[in-house]
Amino acid sequence: MDNLQHEQYEYARKRISQKKNVFFHFILFFVGGIFLFLINKVIKIDDAQNWYIWAITGWAFIFVLHFIKVFITDSFMNKNWERHQIDKLVSMQQKKMQKLQEEFDAKNETRQ
């Protein structure tokens, strides 16, 4: 397997792992939410009747952030995007270096 194929394979493996983790997180969130609800009904604390709603809401917020990171952010900010940004910055840096070299050469020619 050449380097390009290996890189594509590793990227695909990483993406599949990320998506699998999101689905696992959803199942854990669903089962955990049911568990928290049942615990609330069994314990029946009068002061904080709906404490489980706050716990589930916080967990849902974390799950939504996880979902956004995997399916939205990482889907367009992938290796190709990263490579394009690197190439863009390198070319800008090369242009600046070339301009400085030209200015340096011009100053040296006027002195001689």
N, C-alpha and C. Protein backbone atom coordinates (compact mmCIF):
# COMPACT_ATOMS: atom_id res chain seq x y z
N MET A 1 0.86 -1.17 0.00
CA MET A 1 0.00 0.00 0.00
C MET A 1 0.90 1.24 0.00
N ASP A 2 0.69 2.13 -0.93
CA ASP A 2 1.51 3.33 -0.98
C ASP A 2 1.04 4.34 0.07
N ASN A 3 1.78 5.43 0.20
CA ASN A 3 1.50 6.42 1.26
C ASN A 3 0.13 7.05 1.12
N LEU A 4 -0.27 7.38 -0.11
CA LEU A 4 -1.57 8.01 -0.33
C LEU A 4 -2.71 7.08 0.07
N GLN A 5 -2.63 5.84 -0.34
CA GLN A 5 -3.67 4.87 0.03
C GLN A 5 -3.70 4.66 1.54
N HIS A 6 -2.53 4.61 2.15
CA HIS A 6 -2.46 4.42 3.60
C HIS A 6 -3.07 5.62 4.32
N GLU A 7 -2.79 6.82 3.84
CA GLU A 7 -3.35 8.03 4.44
C GLU A 7 -4.87 8.05 4.30
N GLN A 8 -5.38 7.67 3.13
CA GLN A 8 -6.83 7.62 2.92
C GLN A 8 -7.47 6.58 3.83
N TYR A 9 -6.81 5.44 3.96
CA TYR A 9 -7.33 4.38 4.83
C TYR A 9 -7.39 4.86 6.28
N GLU A 10 -6.32 5.49 6.75
CA GLU A 10 -6.27 5.97 8.13
C GLU A 10 -7.33 7.05 8.38
N TYR A 11 -7.54 7.92 7.40
CA TYR A 11 -8.56 8.96 7.53
C TYR A 11 -9.95 8.32 7.61
N ALA A 12 -10.22 7.34 6.74
CA ALA A 12 -11.51 6.66 6.75
C ALA A 12 -11.72 5.91 8.07
N ARG A 13 -10.68 5.27 8.56
CA ARG A 13 -10.77 4.54 9.82
C ARG A 13 -11.07 5.49 10.98
N LYS A 14 -10.42 6.66 10.97
CA LYS A 14 -10.64 7.64 12.02
C LYS A 14 -12.07 8.18 11.98
N ARG A 15 -12.57 8.49 10.78
CA ARG A 15 -13.94 9.01 10.64
C ARG A 15 -14.97 7.98 11.10
N ILE A 16 -14.76 6.72 10.74
CA ILE A 16 -15.69 5.67 11.16
C ILE A 16 -15.68 5.55 12.68
N SER A 17 -14.51 5.63 13.26
CA SER A 17 -14.41 5.56 14.72
C SER A 17 -15.13 6.73 15.38
N GLN A 18 -14.98 7.93 14.81
CA GLN A 18 -15.68 9.11 15.36
C GLN A 18 -17.19 8.93 15.29
N LYS A 19 -17.68 8.46 14.14
CA LYS A 19 -19.13 8.27 13.98
C LYS A 19 -19.65 7.18 14.91
N LYS A 20 -18.88 6.11 15.06
CA LYS A 20 -19.27 5.03 15.96
C LYS A 20 -19.37 5.55 17.39
N ASN A 21 -18.43 6.40 17.78
CA ASN A 21 -18.45 6.97 19.13
C ASN A 21 -19.67 7.87 19.35
N VAL A 22 -20.09 8.60 18.32
CA VAL A 22 -21.29 9.44 18.45
C VAL A 22 -22.52 8.56 18.65
N PHE A 23 -22.63 7.49 17.89
CA PHE A 23 -23.78 6.59 18.04
C PHE A 23 -23.76 5.92 19.42
N PHE A 24 -22.59 5.52 19.88
CA PHE A 24 -22.47 4.94 21.23
C PHE A 24 -22.87 5.98 22.28
N HIS A 25 -22.43 7.22 22.10
CA HIS A 25 -22.78 8.29 23.02
C HIS A 25 -24.31 8.48 23.06
N PHE A 26 -24.96 8.41 21.89
CA PHE A 26 -26.42 8.56 21.85
C PHE A 26 -27.11 7.43 22.61
N ILE A 27 -26.67 6.20 22.40
CA ILE A 27 -27.28 5.06 23.10
C ILE A 27 -27.07 5.20 24.61
N LEU A 28 -25.86 5.57 25.00
CA LEU A 28 -25.56 5.78 26.41
C LEU A 28 -26.42 6.91 26.99
N PHE A 29 -26.59 7.98 26.22
CA PHE A 29 -27.44 9.10 26.65
C PHE A 29 -28.89 8.65 26.83
N PHE A 30 -29.39 7.88 25.88
CA PHE A 30 -30.78 7.41 25.94
C PHE A 30 -31.01 6.50 27.14
N VAL A 31 -30.15 5.51 27.31
CA VAL A 31 -30.28 4.57 28.43
C VAL A 31 -30.04 5.30 29.75
N GLY A 32 -29.04 6.19 29.78
CA GLY A 32 -28.76 6.95 30.99
C GLY A 32 -29.92 7.86 31.37
N GLY A 33 -30.57 8.46 30.38
CA GLY A 33 -31.72 9.32 30.65
C GLY A 33 -32.87 8.53 31.27
N ILE A 34 -33.12 7.35 30.74
CA ILE A 34 -34.17 6.48 31.31
C ILE A 34 -33.79 6.09 32.73
N PHE A 35 -32.53 5.73 32.93
CA PHE A 35 -32.05 5.35 34.26
C PHE A 35 -32.22 6.51 35.25
N LEU A 36 -31.85 7.72 34.86
CA LEU A 36 -32.00 8.88 35.75
C LEU A 36 -33.47 9.13 36.08
N PHE A 37 -34.33 8.98 35.09
CA PHE A 37 -35.77 9.16 35.31
C PHE A 37 -36.28 8.14 36.32
N LEU A 38 -35.90 6.87 36.15
CA LEU A 38 -36.35 5.82 37.07
C LEU A 38 -35.80 6.03 38.47
N ILE A 39 -34.56 6.43 38.58
CA ILE A 39 -33.96 6.70 39.89
C ILE A 39 -34.72 7.83 40.58
N ASN A 40 -35.09 8.86 39.82
CA ASN A 40 -35.84 9.98 40.39
C ASN A 40 -37.19 9.50 40.93
N LYS A 41 -37.86 8.61 40.20
CA LYS A 41 -39.17 8.10 40.64
C LYS A 41 -39.04 7.18 41.84
N VAL A 42 -37.94 6.43 41.94
CA VAL A 42 -37.74 5.52 43.07
C VAL A 42 -37.37 6.30 44.33
N ILE A 43 -36.47 7.28 44.21
CA ILE A 43 -35.99 8.01 45.39
C ILE A 43 -37.06 8.99 45.89
N LYS A 44 -37.74 9.66 44.98
CA LYS A 44 -38.81 10.61 45.31
C LYS A 44 -38.37 11.67 46.33
N ILE A 45 -37.37 12.45 45.97
CA ILE A 45 -36.92 13.55 46.82
C ILE A 45 -37.87 14.73 46.59
N ASP A 46 -38.53 15.18 47.65
CA ASP A 46 -39.54 16.24 47.53
C ASP A 46 -38.94 17.60 47.20
N ASP A 47 -37.75 17.90 47.73
CA ASP A 47 -37.15 19.20 47.50
C ASP A 47 -36.77 19.42 46.05
N ALA A 48 -36.28 18.38 45.41
CA ALA A 48 -35.83 18.50 44.02
C ALA A 48 -36.53 17.43 43.20
N GLN A 49 -37.78 17.66 42.87
CA GLN A 49 -38.58 16.65 42.17
C GLN A 49 -38.03 16.33 40.78
N ASN A 50 -37.58 17.33 40.08
CA ASN A 50 -37.17 17.12 38.69
C ASN A 50 -35.67 17.35 38.48
N TRP A 51 -34.87 16.88 39.39
CA TRP A 51 -33.41 17.03 39.26
C TRP A 51 -32.89 16.32 38.02
N TYR A 52 -33.54 15.23 37.65
CA TYR A 52 -33.07 14.44 36.51
C TYR A 52 -33.17 15.22 35.20
N ILE A 53 -34.11 16.16 35.12
CA ILE A 53 -34.27 16.97 33.91
C ILE A 53 -33.02 17.82 33.69
N TRP A 54 -32.48 18.37 34.78
CA TRP A 54 -31.25 19.18 34.66
C TRP A 54 -30.07 18.32 34.22
N ALA A 55 -29.98 17.12 34.77
CA ALA A 55 -28.88 16.22 34.40
C ALA A 55 -29.00 15.81 32.93
N ILE A 56 -30.20 15.48 32.49
CA ILE A 56 -30.42 15.07 31.10
C ILE A 56 -30.18 16.25 30.16
N THR A 57 -30.59 17.45 30.55
CA THR A 57 -30.38 18.64 29.72
C THR A 57 -28.88 18.93 29.54
N GLY A 58 -28.13 18.84 30.62
CA GLY A 58 -26.68 19.04 30.52
C GLY A 58 -26.03 17.99 29.64
N TRP A 59 -26.46 16.75 29.80
CA TRP A 59 -25.92 15.66 28.99
C TRP A 59 -26.30 15.84 27.52
N ALA A 60 -27.53 16.28 27.27
CA ALA A 60 -27.98 16.53 25.89
C ALA A 60 -27.14 17.62 25.24
N PHE A 61 -26.80 18.66 25.99
CA PHE A 61 -25.96 19.74 25.47
C PHE A 61 -24.59 19.19 25.06
N ILE A 62 -24.02 18.37 25.91
CA ILE A 62 -22.71 17.76 25.60
C ILE A 62 -22.83 16.87 24.38
N PHE A 63 -23.91 16.10 24.27
CA PHE A 63 -24.11 15.23 23.11
C PHE A 63 -24.24 16.05 21.83
N VAL A 64 -24.98 17.15 21.87
CA VAL A 64 -25.14 18.01 20.69
C VAL A 64 -23.79 18.58 20.26
N LEU A 65 -22.96 19.00 21.21
CA LEU A 65 -21.63 19.48 20.86
C LEU A 65 -20.79 18.39 20.20
N HIS A 66 -20.88 17.18 20.72
CA HIS A 66 -20.16 16.04 20.14
C HIS A 66 -20.65 15.77 18.72
N PHE A 67 -21.96 15.79 18.52
CA PHE A 67 -22.56 15.57 17.21
C PHE A 67 -22.10 16.63 16.20
N ILE A 68 -22.13 17.90 16.62
CA ILE A 68 -21.71 19.00 15.74
C ILE A 68 -20.25 18.84 15.35
N LYS A 69 -19.41 18.49 16.32
CA LYS A 69 -17.99 18.33 16.02
C LYS A 69 -17.76 17.24 14.98
N VAL A 70 -18.41 16.11 15.13
CA VAL A 70 -18.16 14.98 14.23
C VAL A 70 -18.82 15.15 12.87
N PHE A 71 -20.10 15.51 12.84
CA PHE A 71 -20.84 15.51 11.59
C PHE A 71 -20.84 16.84 10.85
N ILE A 72 -20.52 17.93 11.52
CA ILE A 72 -20.54 19.23 10.83
C ILE A 72 -19.13 19.79 10.70
N THR A 73 -18.47 20.01 11.82
CA THR A 73 -17.15 20.64 11.78
C THR A 73 -16.12 19.76 11.06
N ASP A 74 -16.02 18.50 11.47
CA ASP A 74 -15.02 17.62 10.88
C ASP A 74 -15.34 17.22 9.45
N SER A 75 -16.59 17.37 9.02
CA SER A 75 -16.93 16.97 7.65
C SER A 75 -16.39 17.95 6.61
N PHE A 76 -16.25 19.24 6.96
CA PHE A 76 -15.69 20.17 5.98
C PHE A 76 -14.30 20.67 6.38
N MET A 77 -13.91 20.48 7.61
CA MET A 77 -12.56 20.85 8.04
C MET A 77 -11.73 19.57 8.16
N ASN A 78 -11.62 18.87 7.07
CA ASN A 78 -10.93 17.58 7.05
C ASN A 78 -9.49 17.74 6.56
N LYS A 79 -8.88 16.63 6.18
CA LYS A 79 -7.49 16.65 5.72
C LYS A 79 -7.30 17.53 4.49
N ASN A 80 -8.24 17.49 3.55
CA ASN A 80 -8.12 18.31 2.34
C ASN A 80 -8.13 19.80 2.68
N TRP A 81 -9.02 20.19 3.57
CA TRP A 81 -9.09 21.58 4.00
C TRP A 81 -7.78 21.98 4.68
N GLU A 82 -7.29 21.11 5.56
CA GLU A 82 -6.05 21.38 6.28
C GLU A 82 -4.88 21.50 5.31
N ARG A 83 -4.80 20.60 4.34
CA ARG A 83 -3.72 20.64 3.35
C ARG A 83 -3.79 21.92 2.52
N HIS A 84 -5.02 22.32 2.14
CA HIS A 84 -5.20 23.56 1.36
C HIS A 84 -4.74 24.77 2.17
N GLN A 85 -5.08 24.82 3.45
CA GLN A 85 -4.67 25.95 4.29
C GLN A 85 -3.15 25.98 4.46
N ILE A 86 -2.54 24.82 4.62
CA ILE A 86 -1.08 24.77 4.75
C ILE A 86 -0.43 25.26 3.46
N ASP A 87 -0.90 24.77 2.31
CA ASP A 87 -0.34 25.20 1.02
C ASP A 87 -0.49 26.70 0.83
N LYS A 88 -1.63 27.23 1.23
CA LYS A 88 -1.88 28.67 1.10
C LYS A 88 -0.91 29.47 1.96
N LEU A 89 -0.71 29.05 3.21
CA LEU A 89 0.20 29.76 4.09
C LEU A 89 1.65 29.64 3.63
N VAL A 90 2.02 28.47 3.13
CA VAL A 90 3.39 28.28 2.64
C VAL A 90 3.63 29.17 1.43
N SER A 91 2.67 29.26 0.51
CA SER A 91 2.87 30.10 -0.68
C SER A 91 2.96 31.58 -0.28
N MET A 92 2.15 32.01 0.69
CA MET A 92 2.23 33.39 1.16
C MET A 92 3.60 33.66 1.78
N GLN A 93 4.10 32.70 2.54
CA GLN A 93 5.41 32.85 3.16
C GLN A 93 6.51 32.89 2.10
N GLN A 94 6.39 32.07 1.08
CA GLN A 94 7.39 32.08 0.01
C GLN A 94 7.39 33.40 -0.75
N LYS A 95 6.20 33.95 -0.98
CA LYS A 95 6.11 35.25 -1.66
C LYS A 95 6.79 36.34 -0.82
N LYS A 96 6.55 36.33 0.49
CA LYS A 96 7.19 37.32 1.35
C LYS A 96 8.70 37.16 1.35
N MET A 97 9.16 35.91 1.40
CA MET A 97 10.61 35.67 1.37
C MET A 97 11.21 36.12 0.04
N GLN A 98 10.52 35.87 -1.05
CA GLN A 98 11.00 36.29 -2.37
C GLN A 98 11.07 37.81 -2.45
N LYS A 99 10.04 38.48 -1.93
CA LYS A 99 10.02 39.94 -1.94
C LYS A 99 11.16 40.51 -1.11
N LEU A 100 11.41 39.94 0.06
CA LEU A 100 12.52 40.39 0.90
C LEU A 100 13.86 40.15 0.21
N GLN A 101 13.99 39.01 -0.46
CA GLN A 101 15.23 38.72 -1.18
C GLN A 101 15.46 39.72 -2.31
N GLU A 102 14.38 40.07 -3.04
CA GLU A 102 14.49 41.05 -4.12
C GLU A 102 14.89 42.41 -3.56
N GLU A 103 14.29 42.81 -2.44
CA GLU A 103 14.65 44.09 -1.82
C GLU A 103 16.10 44.08 -1.35
N PHE A 104 16.53 42.97 -0.80
CA PHE A 104 17.92 42.84 -0.35
C PHE A 104 18.89 42.91 -1.53
N ASP A 105 18.55 42.21 -2.61
CA ASP A 105 19.40 42.24 -3.80
C ASP A 105 19.46 43.64 -4.41
N ALA A 106 18.34 44.34 -4.43
CA ALA A 106 18.29 45.70 -4.98
C ALA A 106 19.16 46.65 -4.15
N LYS A 107 19.13 46.52 -2.84
CA LYS A 107 19.96 47.37 -1.99
C LYS A 107 21.44 47.07 -2.18
N ASN A 108 21.76 45.82 -2.33
CA ASN A 108 23.16 45.44 -2.54
C ASN A 108 23.67 45.91 -3.90
N GLU A 109 22.83 45.93 -4.93
CA GLU A 109 23.25 46.41 -6.24
C GLU A 109 23.51 47.91 -6.24
N THR A 110 22.71 48.67 -5.48
CA THR A 110 22.91 50.12 -5.43
C THR A 110 24.17 50.47 -4.65
N ARG A 111 24.59 49.66 -3.72
CA ARG A 111 25.80 49.93 -2.94
C ARG A 111 27.06 49.64 -3.76
N GLN A 112 26.96 48.74 -4.69
CA GLN A 112 28.17 48.36 -5.45
C GLN A 112 28.33 49.24 -6.60
